[in-house]
Amino acid sequence: MAVEESPALPLTLALEQNHPNPFNPETTIEYSIAGGGASPVFNAVRLAVYDLLGREVAVLVNERQPAGRYSVRFDGSSLSSGVYLCRLVAGERMESRRMIFVK
């Protein structure tokens, strides 16, 4: 799982739909952390995957990150087929997306 950073500073928090979706066993999750002004703003960022019962099944990012665009690969090979939620929390903002894993 590698996190890649892009140089342009986004204006809003955004969690993009994973691709491919449905996936088997890997997918890419892209997200943006909002910046302000000329210098990057550091945010406490948590990107995690949950099952539909609300149990956390994976933590992909849990650190302070500067404003920017990021991409994370997620390997769901240890999971059962089904619907999962990917949740991004940065500062006081939160976004979620539904992901479908098919074995």
N, C-alpha and C. Protein backbone atom coordinates (compact mmCIF):
# COMPACT_ATOMS: atom_id res chain seq x y z
N MET A 1 0.85 -1.16 0.00
CA MET A 1 0.00 0.00 0.00
C MET A 1 0.90 1.23 0.00
N ALA A 2 0.92 1.94 -1.10
CA ALA A 2 1.73 3.15 -1.22
C ALA A 2 0.82 4.35 -1.40
N VAL A 3 1.17 5.43 -0.77
CA VAL A 3 0.42 6.67 -0.91
C VAL A 3 1.21 7.58 -1.82
N GLU A 4 0.57 8.04 -2.90
CA GLU A 4 1.22 8.95 -3.84
C GLU A 4 0.60 10.32 -3.70
N GLU A 5 1.44 11.36 -3.74
CA GLU A 5 0.98 12.74 -3.57
C GLU A 5 1.13 13.49 -4.88
N SER A 6 0.14 14.32 -5.23
CA SER A 6 0.20 15.18 -6.40
C SER A 6 0.45 16.61 -5.94
N PRO A 7 1.09 17.46 -6.77
CA PRO A 7 1.52 18.78 -6.33
C PRO A 7 0.45 19.86 -6.15
N ALA A 8 -0.63 19.89 -6.93
CA ALA A 8 -1.62 20.97 -6.85
C ALA A 8 -2.44 20.87 -5.57
N LEU A 9 -2.71 22.02 -4.92
CA LEU A 9 -3.48 22.03 -3.68
C LEU A 9 -4.98 22.14 -3.99
N PRO A 10 -5.77 21.16 -3.56
CA PRO A 10 -7.22 21.23 -3.78
C PRO A 10 -7.88 22.22 -2.84
N LEU A 11 -9.08 22.66 -3.19
CA LEU A 11 -9.82 23.64 -2.39
C LEU A 11 -10.80 22.99 -1.42
N THR A 12 -11.14 21.72 -1.63
CA THR A 12 -12.11 21.03 -0.77
C THR A 12 -11.63 19.63 -0.44
N LEU A 13 -12.22 19.05 0.60
CA LEU A 13 -12.02 17.65 0.93
C LEU A 13 -12.82 16.82 -0.06
N ALA A 14 -12.22 15.79 -0.62
CA ALA A 14 -12.96 14.94 -1.57
C ALA A 14 -12.45 13.52 -1.48
N LEU A 15 -13.38 12.57 -1.44
CA LEU A 15 -13.09 11.15 -1.53
C LEU A 15 -13.70 10.66 -2.82
N GLU A 16 -12.88 10.28 -3.77
CA GLU A 16 -13.37 9.82 -5.07
C GLU A 16 -13.84 8.37 -4.96
N GLN A 17 -14.68 7.96 -5.91
CA GLN A 17 -15.12 6.56 -5.95
C GLN A 17 -13.92 5.69 -6.31
N ASN A 18 -13.76 4.59 -5.59
CA ASN A 18 -12.65 3.69 -5.89
C ASN A 18 -12.78 3.14 -7.31
N HIS A 19 -11.65 2.74 -7.88
CA HIS A 19 -11.69 2.13 -9.21
C HIS A 19 -10.65 1.03 -9.28
N PRO A 20 -10.97 -0.12 -9.85
CA PRO A 20 -12.30 -0.46 -10.35
C PRO A 20 -13.27 -0.73 -9.20
N ASN A 21 -14.54 -0.66 -9.51
CA ASN A 21 -15.59 -0.97 -8.54
C ASN A 21 -16.76 -1.57 -9.31
N PRO A 22 -17.08 -2.83 -9.11
CA PRO A 22 -16.55 -3.79 -8.14
C PRO A 22 -15.07 -4.12 -8.39
N PHE A 23 -14.41 -4.60 -7.33
CA PHE A 23 -12.99 -4.93 -7.43
C PHE A 23 -12.71 -6.34 -6.95
N ASN A 24 -11.58 -6.88 -7.40
CA ASN A 24 -11.12 -8.21 -7.01
C ASN A 24 -9.66 -8.37 -7.37
N PRO A 25 -8.73 -8.49 -6.48
CA PRO A 25 -8.82 -8.17 -5.06
C PRO A 25 -8.34 -6.76 -4.74
N GLU A 26 -7.78 -6.03 -5.76
CA GLU A 26 -7.22 -4.71 -5.47
C GLU A 26 -8.03 -3.59 -6.12
N THR A 27 -7.99 -2.42 -5.47
CA THR A 27 -8.64 -1.23 -5.99
C THR A 27 -7.82 -0.01 -5.59
N THR A 28 -8.04 1.08 -6.30
CA THR A 28 -7.35 2.33 -6.00
C THR A 28 -8.35 3.33 -5.43
N ILE A 29 -7.97 3.98 -4.34
CA ILE A 29 -8.80 4.99 -3.68
C ILE A 29 -8.05 6.31 -3.77
N GLU A 30 -8.69 7.31 -4.35
CA GLU A 30 -8.08 8.63 -4.47
C GLU A 30 -8.84 9.62 -3.60
N TYR A 31 -8.09 10.54 -2.97
CA TYR A 31 -8.72 11.54 -2.13
C TYR A 31 -7.91 12.83 -2.16
N SER A 32 -8.58 13.92 -1.78
CA SER A 32 -7.96 15.24 -1.74
C SER A 32 -8.19 15.86 -0.37
N ILE A 33 -7.15 16.49 0.13
CA ILE A 33 -7.21 17.21 1.40
C ILE A 33 -7.11 18.69 1.06
N ALA A 34 -8.05 19.48 1.56
CA ALA A 34 -8.11 20.91 1.23
C ALA A 34 -6.91 21.67 1.75
N GLY A 35 -6.49 22.66 0.95
CA GLY A 35 -5.40 23.54 1.34
C GLY A 35 -5.90 24.96 1.48
N GLY A 36 -5.06 25.80 1.98
CA GLY A 36 -5.43 27.21 2.10
C GLY A 36 -4.23 28.09 1.87
N GLY A 37 -4.36 29.04 0.99
CA GLY A 37 -3.28 29.98 0.72
C GLY A 37 -2.12 29.32 0.00
N ALA A 38 -0.94 29.90 0.17
CA ALA A 38 0.25 29.44 -0.56
C ALA A 38 0.93 28.26 0.12
N SER A 39 0.72 28.09 1.42
CA SER A 39 1.41 27.00 2.12
C SER A 39 0.43 25.87 2.44
N PRO A 40 0.93 24.63 2.44
CA PRO A 40 0.06 23.50 2.73
C PRO A 40 -0.39 23.48 4.19
N VAL A 41 -1.60 23.03 4.41
CA VAL A 41 -2.16 22.89 5.74
C VAL A 41 -2.07 21.41 6.12
N PHE A 42 -1.59 21.10 7.32
CA PHE A 42 -1.50 19.72 7.76
C PHE A 42 -2.77 19.35 8.50
N ASN A 43 -3.33 18.20 8.15
CA ASN A 43 -4.57 17.71 8.77
C ASN A 43 -4.35 16.32 9.33
N ALA A 44 -5.05 16.01 10.42
CA ALA A 44 -5.10 14.63 10.90
C ALA A 44 -6.01 13.90 9.94
N VAL A 45 -5.47 12.90 9.24
CA VAL A 45 -6.21 12.19 8.20
C VAL A 45 -6.34 10.72 8.58
N ARG A 46 -7.55 10.21 8.42
CA ARG A 46 -7.80 8.78 8.65
C ARG A 46 -8.64 8.27 7.49
N LEU A 47 -8.14 7.25 6.81
CA LEU A 47 -8.85 6.59 5.72
C LEU A 47 -8.98 5.13 6.12
N ALA A 48 -10.22 4.68 6.31
CA ALA A 48 -10.44 3.32 6.79
C ALA A 48 -11.58 2.67 6.01
N VAL A 49 -11.58 1.33 6.06
CA VAL A 49 -12.61 0.53 5.39
C VAL A 49 -13.41 -0.19 6.46
N TYR A 50 -14.74 -0.17 6.29
CA TYR A 50 -15.67 -0.78 7.24
C TYR A 50 -16.59 -1.75 6.52
N ASP A 51 -17.03 -2.80 7.24
CA ASP A 51 -18.07 -3.65 6.69
C ASP A 51 -19.42 -3.00 6.98
N LEU A 52 -20.50 -3.60 6.49
CA LEU A 52 -21.82 -2.97 6.66
C LEU A 52 -22.35 -3.03 8.08
N LEU A 53 -21.68 -3.79 8.95
CA LEU A 53 -22.07 -3.80 10.36
C LEU A 53 -21.31 -2.73 11.15
N GLY A 54 -20.46 -1.97 10.45
CA GLY A 54 -19.72 -0.89 11.09
C GLY A 54 -18.40 -1.31 11.69
N ARG A 55 -17.98 -2.55 11.45
CA ARG A 55 -16.69 -3.00 11.97
C ARG A 55 -15.56 -2.53 11.05
N GLU A 56 -14.53 -2.00 11.64
CA GLU A 56 -13.38 -1.55 10.88
C GLU A 56 -12.59 -2.78 10.42
N VAL A 57 -12.37 -2.90 9.11
CA VAL A 57 -11.64 -4.05 8.57
C VAL A 57 -10.24 -3.68 8.09
N ALA A 58 -9.98 -2.40 7.86
CA ALA A 58 -8.64 -1.97 7.43
C ALA A 58 -8.48 -0.47 7.67
N VAL A 59 -7.28 -0.08 8.09
CA VAL A 59 -6.91 1.33 8.19
C VAL A 59 -5.83 1.56 7.15
N LEU A 60 -6.12 2.41 6.17
CA LEU A 60 -5.19 2.65 5.07
C LEU A 60 -4.28 3.85 5.34
N VAL A 61 -4.80 4.87 6.02
CA VAL A 61 -4.03 6.06 6.37
C VAL A 61 -4.47 6.50 7.75
N ASN A 62 -3.50 6.83 8.61
CA ASN A 62 -3.81 7.37 9.94
C ASN A 62 -2.62 8.22 10.36
N GLU A 63 -2.55 9.45 9.79
CA GLU A 63 -1.41 10.32 10.05
C GLU A 63 -1.76 11.75 9.67
N ARG A 64 -0.89 12.67 10.03
CA ARG A 64 -1.05 14.06 9.61
C ARG A 64 -0.48 14.19 8.21
N GLN A 65 -1.28 14.78 7.30
CA GLN A 65 -0.84 14.95 5.92
C GLN A 65 -1.06 16.39 5.49
N PRO A 66 -0.16 16.90 4.63
CA PRO A 66 -0.37 18.23 4.08
C PRO A 66 -1.49 18.21 3.05
N ALA A 67 -2.04 19.38 2.77
CA ALA A 67 -3.05 19.50 1.73
C ALA A 67 -2.48 18.97 0.42
N GLY A 68 -3.32 18.28 -0.35
CA GLY A 68 -2.87 17.72 -1.62
C GLY A 68 -3.79 16.61 -2.08
N ARG A 69 -3.40 15.98 -3.18
CA ARG A 69 -4.15 14.86 -3.74
C ARG A 69 -3.35 13.59 -3.50
N TYR A 70 -4.07 12.52 -3.11
CA TYR A 70 -3.42 11.27 -2.75
C TYR A 70 -4.11 10.09 -3.41
N SER A 71 -3.36 9.00 -3.53
CA SER A 71 -3.87 7.76 -4.11
C SER A 71 -3.34 6.60 -3.27
N VAL A 72 -4.23 5.68 -2.90
CA VAL A 72 -3.86 4.52 -2.07
C VAL A 72 -4.39 3.26 -2.74
N ARG A 73 -3.56 2.22 -2.79
CA ARG A 73 -4.00 0.91 -3.27
C ARG A 73 -4.51 0.12 -2.08
N PHE A 74 -5.66 -0.55 -2.24
CA PHE A 74 -6.24 -1.37 -1.19
C PHE A 74 -6.36 -2.79 -1.69
N ASP A 75 -5.83 -3.74 -0.92
CA ASP A 75 -5.91 -5.16 -1.25
C ASP A 75 -6.93 -5.81 -0.33
N GLY A 76 -8.06 -6.25 -0.90
CA GLY A 76 -9.13 -6.85 -0.11
C GLY A 76 -9.13 -8.36 -0.13
N SER A 77 -7.99 -8.98 -0.50
CA SER A 77 -7.96 -10.44 -0.65
C SER A 77 -8.27 -11.19 0.63
N SER A 78 -8.12 -10.58 1.79
CA SER A 78 -8.43 -11.26 3.05
C SER A 78 -9.90 -11.09 3.45
N LEU A 79 -10.68 -10.35 2.67
CA LEU A 79 -12.08 -10.09 2.98
C LEU A 79 -13.02 -11.05 2.27
N SER A 80 -14.24 -11.12 2.76
CA SER A 80 -15.30 -11.88 2.08
C SER A 80 -15.93 -10.98 1.03
N SER A 81 -16.54 -11.59 0.03
CA SER A 81 -17.27 -10.81 -0.96
C SER A 81 -18.36 -10.01 -0.27
N GLY A 82 -18.62 -8.80 -0.75
CA GLY A 82 -19.68 -8.00 -0.16
C GLY A 82 -19.48 -6.52 -0.38
N VAL A 83 -20.30 -5.75 0.31
CA VAL A 83 -20.27 -4.29 0.22
C VAL A 83 -19.51 -3.75 1.43
N TYR A 84 -18.62 -2.81 1.18
CA TYR A 84 -17.82 -2.19 2.22
C TYR A 84 -17.93 -0.67 2.08
N LEU A 85 -17.64 0.03 3.16
CA LEU A 85 -17.63 1.49 3.15
C LEU A 85 -16.22 1.98 3.37
N CYS A 86 -15.82 2.92 2.54
CA CYS A 86 -14.53 3.58 2.71
C CYS A 86 -14.83 4.96 3.28
N ARG A 87 -14.20 5.30 4.41
CA ARG A 87 -14.49 6.57 5.08
C ARG A 87 -13.20 7.37 5.23
N LEU A 88 -13.27 8.62 4.79
CA LEU A 88 -12.17 9.56 4.92
C LEU A 88 -12.55 10.62 5.94
N VAL A 89 -11.72 10.79 6.96
CA VAL A 89 -11.91 11.85 7.96
C VAL A 89 -10.66 12.70 7.96
N ALA A 90 -10.85 14.01 7.75
CA ALA A 90 -9.73 14.95 7.78
C ALA A 90 -10.18 16.18 8.55
N GLY A 91 -9.55 16.42 9.68
CA GLY A 91 -10.00 17.51 10.54
C GLY A 91 -11.41 17.20 11.02
N GLU A 92 -12.33 18.12 10.80
CA GLU A 92 -13.72 17.93 11.24
C GLU A 92 -14.63 17.47 10.11
N ARG A 93 -14.07 17.21 8.93
CA ARG A 93 -14.87 16.80 7.76
C ARG A 93 -14.77 15.30 7.55
N MET A 94 -15.84 14.72 6.96
CA MET A 94 -15.88 13.30 6.70
C MET A 94 -16.62 13.03 5.40
N GLU A 95 -16.13 12.07 4.62
CA GLU A 95 -16.81 11.60 3.42
C GLU A 95 -16.71 10.09 3.37
N SER A 96 -17.72 9.45 2.76
CA SER A 96 -17.75 7.99 2.63
C SER A 96 -18.12 7.60 1.21
N ARG A 97 -17.66 6.43 0.80
CA ARG A 97 -18.02 5.86 -0.49
C ARG A 97 -18.25 4.36 -0.29
N ARG A 98 -19.15 3.82 -1.09
CA ARG A 98 -19.46 2.39 -1.04
C ARG A 98 -18.55 1.67 -2.03
N MET A 99 -18.00 0.53 -1.61
CA MET A 99 -17.15 -0.29 -2.47
C MET A 99 -17.70 -1.71 -2.50
N ILE A 100 -17.63 -2.36 -3.64
CA ILE A 100 -18.14 -3.72 -3.78
C ILE A 100 -16.97 -4.66 -4.10
N PHE A 101 -16.80 -5.67 -3.24
CA PHE A 101 -15.73 -6.66 -3.43
C PHE A 101 -16.36 -7.97 -3.89
N VAL A 102 -15.90 -8.49 -5.02
CA VAL A 102 -16.42 -9.73 -5.59
C VAL A 102 -15.27 -10.70 -5.76
N LYS A 103 -15.37 -11.87 -5.12
CA LYS A 103 -14.33 -12.90 -5.27
C LYS A 103 -14.65 -13.79 -6.43
